[in-house]
């Protein structure tokens, strides 16, 4: 059975974000259309569904590792701080955004807190993520089968 490790990050995050949005269980804060995702940013994200995408990325990251804290997530989602004519440096993302994403995922039962204050994936969350990964692999296989059928039909016509 294919798991989260077996598929590309982009495909999985897109599929899981759409699943979170469709289910409607993930509690999205009211300020998501106003906030920047880091102090080094100039503008808020253009994508109105960025919170779902970030939640999917965080869930995948925590799935792949055993125990992750907010500081590690801020480092992961950080970016380049452009400092004018001085050299650029890496800057961490907003810890508040990462914390709210983790809290929202905890409310729907995907994550749980550990004794040392970090987060880990729960049993239900692991089952959910594996189910989405399997669905992505099956959809990719169906697309490949359709492409092969189209190629065969074109060869028969010639």
C-alpha atoms as a PDB file:
ATOM      1  CA  UNK A   1       0.000   0.000   0.000  1.00  0.00           C
ATOM      2  CA  UNK A   2       1.555   3.323  -1.015  1.00  0.00           C
ATOM      3  CA  UNK A   3       2.163   5.854   1.718  1.00  0.00           C
ATOM      4  CA  UNK A   4       2.954   9.545   2.007  1.00  0.00           C
ATOM      5  CA  UNK A   5       6.662   8.888   1.398  1.00  0.00           C
ATOM      6  CA  UNK A   6       5.976   7.226  -1.948  1.00  0.00           C
ATOM      7  CA  UNK A   7       4.431  10.200  -3.759  1.00  0.00           C
ATOM      8  CA  UNK A   8       5.674  13.672  -4.602  1.00  0.00           C
ATOM      9  CA  UNK A   9       5.199  16.362  -1.982  1.00  0.00           C
ATOM     10  CA  UNK A  10       3.422  18.694  -4.388  1.00  0.00           C
ATOM     11  CA  UNK A  11       0.808  16.126  -5.425  1.00  0.00           C
ATOM     12  CA  UNK A  12       0.124  15.077  -1.848  1.00  0.00           C
ATOM     13  CA  UNK A  13      -0.099  18.603  -0.422  1.00  0.00           C
ATOM     14  CA  UNK A  14      -2.479  19.692  -3.197  1.00  0.00           C
ATOM     15  CA  UNK A  15      -4.716  16.652  -2.648  1.00  0.00           C
ATOM     16  CA  UNK A  16      -4.727  16.915   1.150  1.00  0.00           C
ATOM     17  CA  UNK A  17      -5.397  20.675   1.074  1.00  0.00           C
ATOM     18  CA  UNK A  18      -8.407  20.131  -1.181  1.00  0.00           C
ATOM     19  CA  UNK A  19      -9.583  17.346   1.160  1.00  0.00           C
ATOM     20  CA  UNK A  20      -9.303  19.669   4.179  1.00  0.00           C
ATOM     21  CA  UNK A  21     -11.237  22.389   2.359  1.00  0.00           C
ATOM     22  CA  UNK A  22     -13.958  19.988   1.170  1.00  0.00           C
ATOM     23  CA  UNK A  23     -14.447  18.436   4.598  1.00  0.00           C
ATOM     24  CA  UNK A  24     -15.009  21.851   6.199  1.00  0.00           C
ATOM     25  CA  UNK A  25     -13.758  20.623   9.589  1.00  0.00           C
ATOM     26  CA  UNK A  26     -10.559  22.691   9.674  1.00  0.00           C
ATOM     27  CA  UNK A  27     -11.222  25.879  11.610  1.00  0.00           C
ATOM     28  CA  UNK A  28      -9.726  28.795   9.650  1.00  0.00           C
ATOM     29  CA  UNK A  29      -9.030  31.974  11.657  1.00  0.00           C
ATOM     30  CA  UNK A  30     -10.746  35.198  10.602  1.00  0.00           C
ATOM     31  CA  UNK A  31      -7.457  37.013  10.026  1.00  0.00           C
ATOM     32  CA  UNK A  32      -6.105  34.766   7.231  1.00  0.00           C
ATOM     33  CA  UNK A  33      -6.829  37.326   4.508  1.00  0.00           C
ATOM     34  CA  UNK A  34      -4.910  40.064   6.352  1.00  0.00           C
ATOM     35  CA  UNK A  35      -1.810  38.452   7.825  1.00  0.00           C
ATOM     36  CA  UNK A  36       1.669  38.075   6.330  1.00  0.00           C
ATOM     37  CA  UNK A  37       3.279  34.666   6.743  1.00  0.00           C
ATOM     38  CA  UNK A  38       6.594  36.136   7.883  1.00  0.00           C
ATOM     39  CA  UNK A  39       8.172  39.411   8.925  1.00  0.00           C
ATOM     40  CA  UNK A  40      10.378  39.327   5.817  1.00  0.00           C
ATOM     41  CA  UNK A  41       7.329  39.381   3.511  1.00  0.00           C
ATOM     42  CA  UNK A  42       5.826  42.542   2.064  1.00  0.00           C
ATOM     43  CA  UNK A  43       2.345  41.236   1.283  1.00  0.00           C
ATOM     44  CA  UNK A  44      -0.114  38.600   2.449  1.00  0.00           C
ATOM     45  CA  UNK A  45      -0.427  35.458   0.253  1.00  0.00           C
ATOM     46  CA  UNK A  46      -2.421  35.902  -2.950  1.00  0.00           C
ATOM     47  CA  UNK A  47      -3.998  32.445  -2.744  1.00  0.00           C
ATOM     48  CA  UNK A  48      -7.165  32.574  -0.616  1.00  0.00           C
ATOM     49  CA  UNK A  49      -6.681  28.888   0.307  1.00  0.00           C
ATOM     50  CA  UNK A  50      -3.136  29.323   1.643  1.00  0.00           C
ATOM     51  CA  UNK A  51      -4.136  28.242   5.157  1.00  0.00           C
ATOM     52  CA  UNK A  52      -5.297  24.831   3.885  1.00  0.00           C
ATOM     53  CA  UNK A  53      -2.089  24.414   1.879  1.00  0.00           C
ATOM     54  CA  UNK A  54       0.049  25.335   4.883  1.00  0.00           C
ATOM     55  CA  UNK A  55      -1.920  22.903   7.070  1.00  0.00           C
ATOM     56  CA  UNK A  56      -1.375  20.113   4.532  1.00  0.00           C
ATOM     57  CA  UNK A  57       2.353  20.898   4.338  1.00  0.00           C
ATOM     58  CA  UNK A  58       2.658  20.913   8.139  1.00  0.00           C
ATOM     59  CA  UNK A  59       0.748  17.622   8.451  1.00  0.00           C
ATOM     60  CA  UNK A  60       3.016  15.994   5.850  1.00  0.00           C
ATOM     61  CA  UNK A  61       6.169  17.318   7.514  1.00  0.00           C
ATOM     62  CA  UNK A  62       5.113  16.022  10.927  1.00  0.00           C
ATOM     63  CA  UNK A  63       4.072  12.688   9.388  1.00  0.00           C
ATOM     64  CA  UNK A  64       7.572  12.213   7.958  1.00  0.00           C
ATOM     65  CA  UNK A  65       9.272  13.072  11.274  1.00  0.00           C
ATOM     66  CA  UNK A  66       8.466  11.806  14.733  1.00  0.00           C
ATOM     67  CA  UNK A  67       8.423  14.944  16.851  1.00  0.00           C
ATOM     68  CA  UNK A  68       8.328  18.514  15.529  1.00  0.00           C
ATOM     69  CA  UNK A  69       8.076  21.816  17.369  1.00  0.00           C
ATOM     70  CA  UNK A  70       6.891  25.228  16.258  1.00  0.00           C
ATOM     71  CA  UNK A  71      10.468  26.516  15.911  1.00  0.00           C
ATOM     72  CA  UNK A  72      11.330  23.811  13.395  1.00  0.00           C
ATOM     73  CA  UNK A  73       8.224  24.677  11.370  1.00  0.00           C
ATOM     74  CA  UNK A  74       9.118  28.382  11.346  1.00  0.00           C
ATOM     75  CA  UNK A  75      12.555  27.463  10.035  1.00  0.00           C
ATOM     76  CA  UNK A  76      11.064  25.167   7.399  1.00  0.00           C
ATOM     77  CA  UNK A  77       8.573  27.705   6.043  1.00  0.00           C
ATOM     78  CA  UNK A  78      10.939  30.673   6.344  1.00  0.00           C
ATOM     79  CA  UNK A  79      12.475  32.413   3.383  1.00  0.00           C
ATOM     80  CA  UNK A  80      14.913  34.972   2.117  1.00  0.00           C
ATOM     81  CA  UNK A  81      15.026  38.278   3.967  1.00  0.00           C
ATOM     82  CA  UNK A  82      16.072  40.851   1.422  1.00  0.00           C
ATOM     83  CA  UNK A  83      17.919  43.564   3.290  1.00  0.00           C
ATOM     84  CA  UNK A  84      18.455  46.224   0.637  1.00  0.00           C
ATOM     85  CA  UNK A  85      22.048  46.481  -0.557  1.00  0.00           C
ATOM     86  CA  UNK A  86      23.264  44.199   2.243  1.00  0.00           C
ATOM     87  CA  UNK A  87      23.428  40.426   1.655  1.00  0.00           C
ATOM     88  CA  UNK A  88      20.224  38.450   2.045  1.00  0.00           C
ATOM     89  CA  UNK A  89      19.777  36.065   4.950  1.00  0.00           C
ATOM     90  CA  UNK A  90      17.299  33.364   5.876  1.00  0.00           C
ATOM     91  CA  UNK A  91      14.490  34.536   8.130  1.00  0.00           C
ATOM     92  CA  UNK A  92      11.985  32.357  10.000  1.00  0.00           C
ATOM     93  CA  UNK A  93       8.276  32.382   9.174  1.00  0.00           C
ATOM     94  CA  UNK A  94       5.650  33.633  11.608  1.00  0.00           C
ATOM     95  CA  UNK A  95       5.485  31.383  14.661  1.00  0.00           C
ATOM     96  CA  UNK A  96       1.925  32.501  15.353  1.00  0.00           C
ATOM     97  CA  UNK A  97       0.735  31.211  11.976  1.00  0.00           C
ATOM     98  CA  UNK A  98       2.493  27.863  12.535  1.00  0.00           C
ATOM     99  CA  UNK A  99       0.994  27.576  16.018  1.00  0.00           C
ATOM    100  CA  UNK A 100      -2.535  28.304  14.779  1.00  0.00           C
ATOM    101  CA  UNK A 101      -2.152  25.731  11.985  1.00  0.00           C
ATOM    102  CA  UNK A 102      -1.027  23.090  14.499  1.00  0.00           C
ATOM    103  CA  UNK A 103      -3.868  23.971  16.864  1.00  0.00           C
ATOM    104  CA  UNK A 104      -6.398  23.696  14.034  1.00  0.00           C
ATOM    105  CA  UNK A 105      -4.998  20.288  13.041  1.00  0.00           C
ATOM    106  CA  UNK A 106      -5.125  19.182  16.691  1.00  0.00           C
ATOM    107  CA  UNK A 107      -8.808  20.126  16.920  1.00  0.00           C
ATOM    108  CA  UNK A 108      -9.716  17.838  14.016  1.00  0.00           C
ATOM    109  CA  UNK A 109      -7.584  15.026  15.449  1.00  0.00           C
ATOM    110  CA  UNK A 110      -4.730  14.889  12.936  1.00  0.00           C
ATOM    111  CA  UNK A 111      -2.003  15.965  15.386  1.00  0.00           C
ATOM    112  CA  UNK A 112      -1.411  15.506  19.094  1.00  0.00           C
ATOM    113  CA  UNK A 113       1.008  17.087  21.551  1.00  0.00           C
ATOM    114  CA  UNK A 114       3.949  15.179  22.973  1.00  0.00           C
ATOM    115  CA  UNK A 115       5.350  15.312  26.503  1.00  0.00           C
ATOM    116  CA  UNK A 116       8.192  17.632  25.496  1.00  0.00           C
ATOM    117  CA  UNK A 117       5.894  20.203  23.895  1.00  0.00           C
ATOM    118  CA  UNK A 118       6.259  19.141  20.267  1.00  0.00           C
ATOM    119  CA  UNK A 119       3.631  17.758  17.932  1.00  0.00           C
ATOM    120  CA  UNK A 120       3.286  14.295  16.421  1.00  0.00           C
ATOM    121  CA  UNK A 121       0.804  12.667  14.072  1.00  0.00           C
ATOM    122  CA  UNK A 122      -2.095  10.837  15.738  1.00  0.00           C
ATOM    123  CA  UNK A 123      -3.389   7.392  14.763  1.00  0.00           C
ATOM    124  CA  UNK A 124      -6.435   8.898  13.044  1.00  0.00           C
ATOM    125  CA  UNK A 125      -4.248  11.461  11.305  1.00  0.00           C
ATOM    126  CA  UNK A 126      -1.882   8.805  10.016  1.00  0.00           C
ATOM    127  CA  UNK A 127      -4.794   6.760   8.675  1.00  0.00           C
ATOM    128  CA  UNK A 128      -6.253   9.867   7.015  1.00  0.00           C
ATOM    129  CA  UNK A 129      -2.968  10.847   5.348  1.00  0.00           C
ATOM    130  CA  UNK A 130      -2.323   7.292   4.132  1.00  0.00           C
ATOM    131  CA  UNK A 131      -5.823   7.156   2.635  1.00  0.00           C
ATOM    132  CA  UNK A 132      -5.240  10.424   0.741  1.00  0.00           C
ATOM    133  CA  UNK A 133      -1.830   9.165  -0.492  1.00  0.00           C
ATOM    134  CA  UNK A 134      -3.413   5.957  -1.778  1.00  0.00           C
ATOM    135  CA  UNK A 135      -6.106   7.948  -3.579  1.00  0.00           C
ATOM    136  CA  UNK A 136      -3.450  10.132  -5.248  1.00  0.00           C
ATOM    137  CA  UNK A 137      -1.530   7.056  -6.465  1.00  0.00           C
ATOM    138  CA  UNK A 138      -4.717   5.462  -7.814  1.00  0.00           C
ATOM    139  CA  UNK A 139      -5.666   8.675  -9.630  1.00  0.00           C
ATOM    140  CA  UNK A 140      -2.199   8.811 -11.196  1.00  0.00           C
ATOM    141  CA  UNK A 141      -2.532   5.184 -12.356  1.00  0.00           C
ATOM    142  CA  UNK A 142      -5.913   5.926 -13.944  1.00  0.00           C
ATOM    143  CA  UNK A 143      -4.429   8.899 -15.790  1.00  0.00           C
ATOM    144  CA  UNK A 144      -1.581   6.713 -17.078  1.00  0.00           C
ATOM    145  CA  UNK A 145      -4.049   4.059 -18.251  1.00  0.00           C
ATOM    146  CA  UNK A 146      -6.121   6.660 -20.111  1.00  0.00           C
ATOM    147  CA  UNK A 147      -2.991   8.051 -21.773  1.00  0.00           C
ATOM    148  CA  UNK A 148      -1.930   4.556 -22.880  1.00  0.00           C
ATOM    149  CA  UNK A 149      -5.392   3.899 -24.343  1.00  0.00           C
ATOM    150  CA  UNK A 150      -5.277   7.165 -26.301  1.00  0.00           C
ATOM    151  CA  UNK A 151      -1.845   6.290 -27.718  1.00  0.00           C
ATOM    152  CA  UNK A 152      -3.054   2.818 -28.733  1.00  0.00           C
ATOM    153  CA  UNK A 153      -6.127   4.299 -30.474  1.00  0.00           C
ATOM    154  CA  UNK A 154      -3.950   6.756 -32.392  1.00  0.00           C
ATOM    155  CA  UNK A 155      -1.640   3.947 -33.523  1.00  0.00           C
ATOM    156  CA  UNK A 156      -4.616   1.867 -34.737  1.00  0.00           C
ATOM    157  CA  UNK A 157      -5.953   4.788 -36.785  1.00  0.00           C
ATOM    158  CA  UNK A 158      -2.624   5.141 -38.612  1.00  0.00           C
END
